[in-house]
Amino acid sequence: MKALYLLPALALAFGAQAATPEEAMNKAGCMACHAKDKKIVGPAFKDIAAKYKGQNVTAKLMDKVRKGGSGSFGPIPMSPNGPEKINDADLKAAIGYILKS
């Protein structure tokens, strides 16, 4: 019975995953520059998905989000986004969502 009480505490201690990838991206600020179907500052999710279709690029894109950079979709740089903005589990889920767009 005590184990049931520990579950919420463990989830908080280890950074529980957001309810949906969209919520995680909103919370992290991704949606300020990206949208599902149109370019804002950064590329649309559908354009990212098209560029990487059929490729195993989750680790590569996670690294790109963490380090930032430019050149993949034009000269405007993306700032680095550390785990304090979006944890690894939420980032991985968000990238999976983007690649399915």
PDB file of N, CA and C in Angstrom:
ATOM      1  N   MET A   1       0.817  -1.196   0.000  1.00  0.00           N
ATOM      2  CA  MET A   1       0.000   0.000   0.000  1.00  0.00           C
ATOM      3  C   MET A   1       0.858   1.256   0.000  1.00  0.00           C
ATOM      4  N   LYS A   2       1.980   1.217   0.736  1.00  0.00           N
ATOM      5  CA  LYS A   2       2.870   2.375   0.776  1.00  0.00           C
ATOM      6  C   LYS A   2       3.426   2.701  -0.602  1.00  0.00           C
ATOM      7  N   ALA A   3       3.624   1.693  -1.419  1.00  0.00           N
ATOM      8  CA  ALA A   3       4.175   1.910  -2.761  1.00  0.00           C
ATOM      9  C   ALA A   3       3.270   2.820  -3.588  1.00  0.00           C
ATOM     10  N   LEU A   4       1.969   2.713  -3.401  1.00  0.00           N
ATOM     11  CA  LEU A   4       1.045   3.571  -4.145  1.00  0.00           C
ATOM     12  C   LEU A   4       1.236   5.040  -3.800  1.00  0.00           C
ATOM     13  N   TYR A   5       1.604   5.320  -2.581  1.00  0.00           N
ATOM     14  CA  TYR A   5       1.835   6.707  -2.172  1.00  0.00           C
ATOM     15  C   TYR A   5       3.153   7.239  -2.721  1.00  0.00           C
ATOM     16  N   LEU A   6       4.075   6.345  -2.976  1.00  0.00           N
ATOM     17  CA  LEU A   6       5.375   6.758  -3.485  1.00  0.00           C
ATOM     18  C   LEU A   6       5.358   7.092  -4.971  1.00  0.00           C
ATOM     19  N   LEU A   7       4.437   6.532  -5.720  1.00  0.00           N
ATOM     20  CA  LEU A   7       4.412   6.760  -7.160  1.00  0.00           C
ATOM     21  C   LEU A   7       4.330   8.238  -7.547  1.00  0.00           C
ATOM     22  N   PRO A   8       3.398   9.017  -6.989  1.00  0.00           N
ATOM     23  CA  PRO A   8       3.358  10.436  -7.358  1.00  0.00           C
ATOM     24  C   PRO A   8       4.646  11.176  -6.971  1.00  0.00           C
ATOM     25  N   ALA A   9       5.212  10.833  -5.833  1.00  0.00           N
ATOM     26  CA  ALA A   9       6.455  11.477  -5.395  1.00  0.00           C
ATOM     27  C   ALA A   9       7.597  11.135  -6.343  1.00  0.00           C
ATOM     28  N   LEU A  10       7.665   9.892  -6.765  1.00  0.00           N
ATOM     29  CA  LEU A  10       8.716   9.495  -7.707  1.00  0.00           C
ATOM     30  C   LEU A  10       8.536  10.182  -9.050  1.00  0.00           C
ATOM     31  N   ALA A  11       7.313  10.306  -9.499  1.00  0.00           N
ATOM     32  CA  ALA A  11       7.054  10.989 -10.769  1.00  0.00           C
ATOM     33  C   ALA A  11       7.521  12.435 -10.711  1.00  0.00           C
ATOM     34  N   LEU A  12       7.253  13.104  -9.614  1.00  0.00           N
ATOM     35  CA  LEU A  12       7.708  14.491  -9.456  1.00  0.00           C
ATOM     36  C   LEU A  12       9.222  14.573  -9.354  1.00  0.00           C
ATOM     37  N   ALA A  13       9.801  13.654  -8.619  1.00  0.00           N
ATOM     38  CA  ALA A  13      11.249  13.671  -8.409  1.00  0.00           C
ATOM     39  C   ALA A  13      12.020  13.427  -9.696  1.00  0.00           C
ATOM     40  N   PHE A  14      11.488  12.613 -10.569  1.00  0.00           N
ATOM     41  CA  PHE A  14      12.194  12.274 -11.796  1.00  0.00           C
ATOM     42  C   PHE A  14      11.644  12.996 -13.017  1.00  0.00           C
ATOM     43  N   GLY A  15      10.907  14.062 -12.823  1.00  0.00           N
ATOM     44  CA  GLY A  15      10.416  14.855 -13.946  1.00  0.00           C
ATOM     45  C   GLY A  15       9.375  14.121 -14.753  1.00  0.00           C
ATOM     46  N   ALA A  16       8.186  14.057 -14.271  1.00  0.00           N
ATOM     47  CA  ALA A  16       7.113  13.357 -14.960  1.00  0.00           C
ATOM     48  C   ALA A  16       6.902  13.936 -16.351  1.00  0.00           C
ATOM     49  N   GLN A  17       6.591  13.072 -17.267  1.00  0.00           N
ATOM     50  CA  GLN A  17       6.362  13.464 -18.643  1.00  0.00           C
ATOM     51  C   GLN A  17       5.074  14.282 -18.735  1.00  0.00           C
ATOM     52  N   ALA A  18       5.063  15.291 -19.620  1.00  0.00           N
ATOM     53  CA  ALA A  18       3.855  16.080 -19.860  1.00  0.00           C
ATOM     54  C   ALA A  18       2.775  15.160 -20.426  1.00  0.00           C
ATOM     55  N   ALA A  19       1.534  15.600 -20.335  1.00  0.00           N
ATOM     56  CA  ALA A  19       0.414  14.764 -20.779  1.00  0.00           C
ATOM     57  C   ALA A  19       0.485  14.471 -22.283  1.00  0.00           C
ATOM     58  N   THR A  20       0.859  15.436 -23.093  1.00  0.00           N
ATOM     59  CA  THR A  20       0.944  15.232 -24.547  1.00  0.00           C
ATOM     60  C   THR A  20       2.189  15.939 -25.084  1.00  0.00           C
ATOM     61  N   PRO A  21       2.664  15.507 -26.253  1.00  0.00           N
ATOM     62  CA  PRO A  21       3.794  16.212 -26.861  1.00  0.00           C
ATOM     63  C   PRO A  21       3.481  17.686 -27.137  1.00  0.00           C
ATOM     64  N   GLU A  22       2.236  17.959 -27.527  1.00  0.00           N
ATOM     65  CA  GLU A  22       1.846  19.347 -27.795  1.00  0.00           C
ATOM     66  C   GLU A  22       1.962  20.209 -26.544  1.00  0.00           C
ATOM     67  N   GLU A  23       1.546  19.673 -25.409  1.00  0.00           N
ATOM     68  CA  GLU A  23       1.657  20.417 -24.156  1.00  0.00           C
ATOM     69  C   GLU A  23       3.119  20.660 -23.788  1.00  0.00           C
ATOM     70  N   ALA A  24       3.950  19.653 -23.982  1.00  0.00           N
ATOM     71  CA  ALA A  24       5.371  19.806 -23.684  1.00  0.00           C
ATOM     72  C   ALA A  24       5.999  20.873 -24.574  1.00  0.00           C
ATOM     73  N   MET A  25       5.638  20.874 -25.857  1.00  0.00           N
ATOM     74  CA  MET A  25       6.192  21.863 -26.781  1.00  0.00           C
ATOM     75  C   MET A  25       5.687  23.265 -26.460  1.00  0.00           C
ATOM     76  N   ASN A  26       4.435  23.384 -26.072  1.00  0.00           N
ATOM     77  CA  ASN A  26       3.911  24.693 -25.663  1.00  0.00           C
ATOM     78  C   ASN A  26       4.639  25.206 -24.436  1.00  0.00           C
ATOM     79  N   LYS A  27       4.802  24.344 -23.450  1.00  0.00           N
ATOM     80  CA  LYS A  27       5.464  24.726 -22.204  1.00  0.00           C
ATOM     81  C   LYS A  27       6.922  25.125 -22.452  1.00  0.00           C
ATOM     82  N   ALA A  28       7.592  24.428 -23.371  1.00  0.00           N
ATOM     83  CA  ALA A  28       9.001  24.689 -23.655  1.00  0.00           C
ATOM     84  C   ALA A  28       9.209  25.907 -24.551  1.00  0.00           C
ATOM     85  N   GLY A  29       8.131  26.415 -25.155  1.00  0.00           N
ATOM     86  CA  GLY A  29       8.253  27.586 -26.016  1.00  0.00           C
ATOM     87  C   GLY A  29       8.483  27.275 -27.486  1.00  0.00           C
ATOM     88  N   CYS A  30       8.424  26.016 -27.863  1.00  0.00           N
ATOM     89  CA  CYS A  30       8.662  25.621 -29.256  1.00  0.00           C
ATOM     90  C   CYS A  30       7.662  26.279 -30.213  1.00  0.00           C
ATOM     91  N   MET A  31       6.429  26.423 -29.726  1.00  0.00           N
ATOM     92  CA  MET A  31       5.364  26.915 -30.601  1.00  0.00           C
ATOM     93  C   MET A  31       5.478  28.415 -30.887  1.00  0.00           C
ATOM     94  N   ALA A  32       6.401  29.087 -30.239  1.00  0.00           N
ATOM     95  CA  ALA A  32       6.643  30.498 -30.556  1.00  0.00           C
ATOM     96  C   ALA A  32       7.284  30.628 -31.932  1.00  0.00           C
ATOM     97  N   CYS A  33       8.009  29.604 -32.362  1.00  0.00           N
ATOM     98  CA  CYS A  33       8.723  29.656 -33.641  1.00  0.00           C
ATOM     99  C   CYS A  33       8.270  28.605 -34.646  1.00  0.00           C
ATOM    100  N   HIS A  34       7.528  27.594 -34.204  1.00  0.00           N
ATOM    101  CA  HIS A  34       7.122  26.490 -35.074  1.00  0.00           C
ATOM    102  C   HIS A  34       5.613  26.292 -35.023  1.00  0.00           C
ATOM    103  N   ALA A  35       5.067  25.777 -36.116  1.00  0.00           N
ATOM    104  CA  ALA A  35       3.660  25.380 -36.186  1.00  0.00           C
ATOM    105  C   ALA A  35       3.586  24.065 -36.950  1.00  0.00           C
ATOM    106  N   LYS A  36       2.460  23.407 -36.852  1.00  0.00           N
ATOM    107  CA  LYS A  36       2.310  22.110 -37.509  1.00  0.00           C
ATOM    108  C   LYS A  36       2.363  22.222 -39.032  1.00  0.00           C
ATOM    109  N   ASP A  37       1.692  23.218 -39.585  1.00  0.00           N
ATOM    110  CA  ASP A  37       1.550  23.238 -41.038  1.00  0.00           C
ATOM    111  C   ASP A  37       2.006  24.517 -41.733  1.00  0.00           C
ATOM    112  N   LYS A  38       2.682  25.426 -41.011  1.00  0.00           N
ATOM    113  CA  LYS A  38       3.185  26.632 -41.677  1.00  0.00           C
ATOM    114  C   LYS A  38       4.468  27.104 -41.015  1.00  0.00           C
ATOM    115  N   LYS A  39       5.331  27.693 -41.836  1.00  0.00           N
ATOM    116  CA  LYS A  39       6.580  28.251 -41.331  1.00  0.00           C
ATOM    117  C   LYS A  39       6.255  29.523 -40.555  1.00  0.00           C
ATOM    118  N   ILE A  40       6.837  29.652 -39.380  1.00  0.00           N
ATOM    119  CA  ILE A  40       6.738  30.900 -38.606  1.00  0.00           C
ATOM    120  C   ILE A  40       8.148  31.491 -38.654  1.00  0.00           C
ATOM    121  N   VAL A  41       8.943  31.276 -37.654  1.00  0.00           N
ATOM    122  CA  VAL A  41      10.364  31.624 -37.692  1.00  0.00           C
ATOM    123  C   VAL A  41      11.139  30.381 -38.124  1.00  0.00           C
ATOM    124  N   GLY A  42      10.783  29.276 -37.506  1.00  0.00           N
ATOM    125  CA  GLY A  42      11.389  27.994 -37.855  1.00  0.00           C
ATOM    126  C   GLY A  42      10.476  27.221 -38.782  1.00  0.00           C
ATOM    127  N   PRO A  43      10.937  26.090 -39.274  1.00  0.00           N
ATOM    128  CA  PRO A  43      10.144  25.313 -40.230  1.00  0.00           C
ATOM    129  C   PRO A  43       8.885  24.711 -39.612  1.00  0.00           C
ATOM    130  N   ALA A  44       7.910  24.443 -40.464  1.00  0.00           N
ATOM    131  CA  ALA A  44       6.693  23.746 -40.046  1.00  0.00           C
ATOM    132  C   ALA A  44       7.034  22.297 -39.721  1.00  0.00           C
ATOM    133  N   PHE A  45       6.300  21.721 -38.791  1.00  0.00           N
ATOM    134  CA  PHE A  45       6.522  20.323 -38.435  1.00  0.00           C
ATOM    135  C   PHE A  45       6.369  19.419 -39.661  1.00  0.00           C
ATOM    136  N   LYS A  46       5.424  19.731 -40.541  1.00  0.00           N
ATOM    137  CA  LYS A  46       5.220  18.890 -41.732  1.00  0.00           C
ATOM    138  C   LYS A  46       6.445  18.935 -42.635  1.00  0.00           C
ATOM    139  N   ASP A  47       7.147  20.080 -42.673  1.00  0.00           N
ATOM    140  CA  ASP A  47       8.360  20.182 -43.488  1.00  0.00           C
ATOM    141  C   ASP A  47       9.516  19.404 -42.857  1.00  0.00           C
ATOM    142  N   ILE A  48       9.595  19.418 -41.541  1.00  0.00           N
ATOM    143  CA  ILE A  48      10.615  18.630 -40.839  1.00  0.00           C
ATOM    144  C   ILE A  48      10.355  17.145 -41.097  1.00  0.00           C
ATOM    145  N   ALA A  49       9.090  16.737 -40.964  1.00  0.00           N
ATOM    146  CA  ALA A  49       8.731  15.331 -41.181  1.00  0.00           C
ATOM    147  C   ALA A  49       9.053  14.900 -42.608  1.00  0.00           C
ATOM    148  N   ALA A  50       8.780  15.755 -43.582  1.00  0.00           N
ATOM    149  CA  ALA A  50       9.053  15.419 -44.978  1.00  0.00           C
ATOM    150  C   ALA A  50      10.557  15.273 -45.229  1.00  0.00           C
ATOM    151  N   LYS A  51      11.348  16.165 -44.655  1.00  0.00           N
ATOM    152  CA  LYS A  51      12.801  16.125 -44.862  1.00  0.00           C
ATOM    153  C   LYS A  51      13.418  14.837 -44.314  1.00  0.00           C
ATOM    154  N   TYR A  52      12.915  14.371 -43.184  1.00  0.00           N
ATOM    155  CA  TYR A  52      13.516  13.220 -42.514  1.00  0.00           C
ATOM    156  C   TYR A  52      12.703  11.944 -42.661  1.00  0.00           C
ATOM    157  N   LYS A  53      11.738  11.920 -43.571  1.00  0.00           N
ATOM    158  CA  LYS A  53      10.864  10.755 -43.746  1.00  0.00           C
ATOM    159  C   LYS A  53      11.690   9.487 -43.986  1.00  0.00           C
ATOM    160  N   GLY A  54      11.350   8.445 -43.245  1.00  0.00           N
ATOM    161  CA  GLY A  54      11.994   7.152 -43.412  1.00  0.00           C
ATOM    162  C   GLY A  54      13.375   7.039 -42.794  1.00  0.00           C
ATOM    163  N   GLN A  55      13.817   8.078 -42.104  1.00  0.00           N
ATOM    164  CA  GLN A  55      15.143   8.059 -41.482  1.00  0.00           C
ATOM    165  C   GLN A  55      15.012   7.904 -39.965  1.00  0.00           C
ATOM    166  N   ASN A  56      15.987   7.291 -39.364  1.00  0.00           N
ATOM    167  CA  ASN A  56      16.034   7.155 -37.913  1.00  0.00           C
ATOM    168  C   ASN A  56      16.832   8.343 -37.368  1.00  0.00           C
ATOM    169  N   VAL A  57      16.149   9.460 -37.114  1.00  0.00           N
ATOM    170  CA  VAL A  57      16.838  10.711 -36.775  1.00  0.00           C
ATOM    171  C   VAL A  57      16.484  11.254 -35.393  1.00  0.00           C
ATOM    172  N   THR A  58      15.823  10.468 -34.577  1.00  0.00           N
ATOM    173  CA  THR A  58      15.405  10.975 -33.267  1.00  0.00           C
ATOM    174  C   THR A  58      16.597  11.482 -32.461  1.00  0.00           C
ATOM    175  N   ALA A  59      17.653  10.696 -32.353  1.00  0.00           N
ATOM    176  CA  ALA A  59      18.832  11.112 -31.580  1.00  0.00           C
ATOM    177  C   ALA A  59      19.468  12.354 -32.197  1.00  0.00           C
ATOM    178  N   LYS A  60      19.545  12.401 -33.511  1.00  0.00           N
ATOM    179  CA  LYS A  60      20.128  13.556 -34.213  1.00  0.00           C
ATOM    180  C   LYS A  60      19.316  14.821 -33.930  1.00  0.00           C
ATOM    181  N   LEU A  61      17.991  14.719 -33.986  1.00  0.00           N
ATOM    182  CA  LEU A  61      17.147  15.889 -33.755  1.00  0.00           C
ATOM    183  C   LEU A  61      17.153  16.289 -32.275  1.00  0.00           C
ATOM    184  N   MET A  62      17.236  15.329 -31.378  1.00  0.00           N
ATOM    185  CA  MET A  62      17.352  15.673 -29.956  1.00  0.00           C
ATOM    186  C   MET A  62      18.633  16.469 -29.721  1.00  0.00           C
ATOM    187  N   ASP A  63      19.726  16.047 -30.338  1.00  0.00           N
ATOM    188  CA  ASP A  63      20.998  16.760 -30.212  1.00  0.00           C
ATOM    189  C   ASP A  63      20.890  18.167 -30.807  1.00  0.00           C
ATOM    190  N   LYS A  64      20.206  18.279 -31.936  1.00  0.00           N
ATOM    191  CA  LYS A  64      20.031  19.584 -32.585  1.00  0.00           C
ATOM    192  C   LYS A  64      19.215  20.533 -31.698  1.00  0.00           C
ATOM    193  N   VAL A  65      18.175  20.023 -31.066  1.00  0.00           N
ATOM    194  CA  VAL A  65      17.375  20.851 -30.164  1.00  0.00           C
ATOM    195  C   VAL A  65      18.220  21.282 -28.964  1.00  0.00           C
ATOM    196  N   ARG A  66      18.980  20.373 -28.422  1.00  0.00           N
ATOM    197  CA  ARG A  66      19.804  20.688 -27.249  1.00  0.00           C
ATOM    198  C   ARG A  66      20.897  21.709 -27.566  1.00  0.00           C
ATOM    199  N   LYS A  67      21.548  21.571 -28.722  1.00  0.00           N
ATOM    200  CA  LYS A  67      22.677  22.446 -29.071  1.00  0.00           C
ATOM    201  C   LYS A  67      22.276  23.684 -29.865  1.00  0.00           C
ATOM    202  N   GLY A  68      21.108  23.637 -30.526  1.00  0.00           N
ATOM    203  CA  GLY A  68      20.713  24.737 -31.393  1.00  0.00           C
ATOM    204  C   GLY A  68      21.517  24.697 -32.684  1.00  0.00           C
ATOM    205  N   GLY A  69      21.401  25.757 -33.474  1.00  0.00           N
ATOM    206  CA  GLY A  69      22.170  25.826 -34.706  1.00  0.00           C
ATOM    207  C   GLY A  69      21.337  26.340 -35.862  1.00  0.00           C
ATOM    208  N   SER A  70      21.941  26.353 -37.031  1.00  0.00           N
ATOM    209  CA  SER A  70      21.252  26.813 -38.236  1.00  0.00           C
ATOM    210  C   SER A  70      21.771  26.049 -39.440  1.00  0.00           C
ATOM    211  N   GLY A  71      21.127  26.266 -40.564  1.00  0.00           N
ATOM    212  CA  GLY A  71      21.583  25.679 -41.807  1.00  0.00           C
ATOM    213  C   GLY A  71      20.716  24.570 -42.350  1.00  0.00           C
ATOM    214  N   SER A  72      19.972  23.880 -41.513  1.00  0.00           N
ATOM    215  CA  SER A  72      19.146  22.780 -41.997  1.00  0.00           C
ATOM    216  C   SER A  72      17.927  23.270 -42.767  1.00  0.00           C
ATOM    217  N   PHE A  73      17.370  24.382 -42.332  1.00  0.00           N
ATOM    218  CA  PHE A  73      16.171  24.926 -42.963  1.00  0.00           C
ATOM    219  C   PHE A  73      16.334  26.411 -43.274  1.00  0.00           C
ATOM    220  N   GLY A  74      17.557  26.871 -43.362  1.00  0.00           N
ATOM    221  CA  GLY A  74      17.805  28.272 -43.659  1.00  0.00           C
ATOM    222  C   GLY A  74      18.765  28.886 -42.654  1.00  0.00           C
ATOM    223  N   PRO A  75      19.016  30.175 -42.802  1.00  0.00           N
ATOM    224  CA  PRO A  75      20.051  30.827 -42.003  1.00  0.00           C
ATOM    225  C   PRO A  75      19.635  31.241 -40.593  1.00  0.00           C
ATOM    226  N   ILE A  76      18.355  31.265 -40.286  1.00  0.00           N
ATOM    227  CA  ILE A  76      17.908  31.717 -38.968  1.00  0.00           C
ATOM    228  C   ILE A  76      18.245  30.648 -37.934  1.00  0.00           C
ATOM    229  N   PRO A  77      19.057  30.995 -36.933  1.00  0.00           N
ATOM    230  CA  PRO A  77      19.464  29.987 -35.954  1.00  0.00           C
ATOM    231  C   PRO A  77      18.375  29.662 -34.938  1.00  0.00           C
ATOM    232  N   MET A  78      18.388  28.413 -34.501  1.00  0.00           N
ATOM    233  CA  MET A  78      17.534  27.999 -33.397  1.00  0.00           C
ATOM    234  C   MET A  78      18.408  28.026 -32.146  1.00  0.00           C
ATOM    235  N   SER A  79      17.900  28.632 -31.099  1.00  0.00           N
ATOM    236  CA  SER A  79      18.663  28.691 -29.856  1.00  0.00           C
ATOM    237  C   SER A  79      18.675  27.322 -29.189  1.00  0.00           C
ATOM    238  N   PRO A  80      19.708  27.052 -28.384  1.00  0.00           N
ATOM    239  CA  PRO A  80      19.750  25.779 -27.660  1.00  0.00           C
ATOM    240  C   PRO A  80      18.614  25.677 -26.645  1.00  0.00           C
ATOM    241  N   ASN A  81      18.132  24.482 -26.430  1.00  0.00           N
ATOM    242  CA  ASN A  81      17.036  24.226 -25.489  1.00  0.00           C
ATOM    243  C   ASN A  81      17.433  23.085 -24.568  1.00  0.00           C
ATOM    244  N   GLY A  82      17.818  23.434 -23.368  1.00  0.00           N
ATOM    245  CA  GLY A  82      18.294  22.457 -22.401  1.00  0.00           C
ATOM    246  C   GLY A  82      17.183  21.706 -21.701  1.00  0.00           C
ATOM    247  N   PRO A  83      17.549  20.732 -20.887  1.00  0.00           N
ATOM    248  CA  PRO A  83      16.565  19.914 -20.180  1.00  0.00           C
ATOM    249  C   PRO A  83      15.732  20.695 -19.171  1.00  0.00           C
ATOM    250  N   GLU A  84      16.169  21.889 -18.796  1.00  0.00           N
ATOM    251  CA  GLU A  84      15.343  22.706 -17.906  1.00  0.00           C
ATOM    252  C   GLU A  84      14.109  23.251 -18.634  1.00  0.00           C
ATOM    253  N   LYS A  85      14.144  23.302 -19.965  1.00  0.00           N
ATOM    254  CA  LYS A  85      12.988  23.746 -20.755  1.00  0.00           C
ATOM    255  C   LYS A  85      12.088  22.578 -21.143  1.00  0.00           C
ATOM    256  N   ILE A  86      12.710  21.456 -21.525  1.00  0.00           N
ATOM    257  CA  ILE A  86      11.960  20.261 -21.910  1.00  0.00           C
ATOM    258  C   ILE A  86      12.826  19.044 -21.579  1.00  0.00           C
ATOM    259  N   ASN A  87      12.287  18.158 -20.767  1.00  0.00           N
ATOM    260  CA  ASN A  87      13.094  17.002 -20.357  1.00  0.00           C
ATOM    261  C   ASN A  87      13.252  16.016 -21.515  1.00  0.00           C
ATOM    262  N   ASP A  88      14.171  15.067 -21.365  1.00  0.00           N
ATOM    263  CA  ASP A  88      14.487  14.136 -22.451  1.00  0.00           C
ATOM    264  C   ASP A  88      13.283  13.314 -22.899  1.00  0.00           C
ATOM    265  N   ALA A  89      12.482  12.839 -21.954  1.00  0.00           N
ATOM    266  CA  ALA A  89      11.316  12.022 -22.316  1.00  0.00           C
ATOM    267  C   ALA A  89      10.305  12.836 -23.118  1.00  0.00           C
ATOM    268  N   ASP A  90      10.044  14.073 -22.681  1.00  0.00           N
ATOM    269  CA  ASP A  90       9.103  14.922 -23.422  1.00  0.00           C
ATOM    270  C   ASP A  90       9.669  15.319 -24.782  1.00  0.00           C
ATOM    271  N   LEU A  91      10.977  15.579 -24.834  1.00  0.00           N
ATOM    272  CA  LEU A  91      11.604  15.939 -26.105  1.00  0.00           C
ATOM    273  C   LEU A  91      11.516  14.785 -27.091  1.00  0.00           C
ATOM    274  N   LYS A  92      11.791  13.581 -26.621  1.00  0.00           N
ATOM    275  CA  LYS A  92      11.701  12.409 -27.499  1.00  0.00           C
ATOM    276  C   LYS A  92      10.279  12.220 -28.009  1.00  0.00           C
ATOM    277  N   ALA A  93       9.294  12.394 -27.142  1.00  0.00           N
ATOM    278  CA  ALA A  93       7.891  12.282 -27.554  1.00  0.00           C
ATOM    279  C   ALA A  93       7.526  13.384 -28.552  1.00  0.00           C
ATOM    280  N   ALA A  94       8.023  14.597 -28.312  1.00  0.00           N
ATOM    281  CA  ALA A  94       7.738  15.719 -29.210  1.00  0.00           C
ATOM    282  C   ALA A  94       8.332  15.466 -30.594  1.00  0.00           C
ATOM    283  N   ILE A  95       9.548  14.955 -30.636  1.00  0.00           N
ATOM    284  CA  ILE A  95      10.178  14.658 -31.931  1.00  0.00           C
ATOM    285  C   ILE A  95       9.414  13.559 -32.646  1.00  0.00           C
ATOM    286  N   GLY A  96       8.979  12.551 -31.932  1.00  0.00           N
ATOM    287  CA  GLY A  96       8.154  11.509 -32.534  1.00  0.00           C
ATOM    288  C   GLY A  96       6.876  12.080 -33.125  1.00  0.00           C
ATOM    289  N   TYR A  97       6.249  12.997 -32.387  1.00  0.00           N
ATOM    290  CA  TYR A  97       5.036  13.665 -32.871  1.00  0.00           C
ATOM    291  C   TYR A  97       5.329  14.465 -34.141  1.00  0.00           C
ATOM    292  N   ILE A  98       6.426  15.220 -34.127  1.00  0.00           N
ATOM    293  CA  ILE A  98       6.796  16.041 -35.288  1.00  0.00           C
ATOM    294  C   ILE A  98       7.057  15.161 -36.502  1.00  0.00           C
ATOM    295  N   LEU A  99       7.771  14.072 -36.317  1.00  0.00           N
ATOM    296  CA  LEU A  99       8.114  13.203 -37.451  1.00  0.00           C
ATOM    297  C   LEU A  99       6.889  12.486 -38.033  1.00  0.00           C
ATOM    298  N   LYS A 100       5.797  12.430 -37.284  1.00  0.00           N
ATOM    299  CA  LYS A 100       4.557  11.837 -37.775  1.00  0.00           C
ATOM    300  C   LYS A 100       3.633  12.884 -38.394  1.00  0.00           C
ATOM    301  N   SER A 101       4.028  14.147 -38.350  1.00  0.00           N
ATOM    302  CA  SER A 101       3.168  15.236 -38.866  1.00  0.00           C
ATOM    303  C   SER A 101       2.995  15.175 -40.363  1.00  0.00           C
TER     304      SER A 101
END
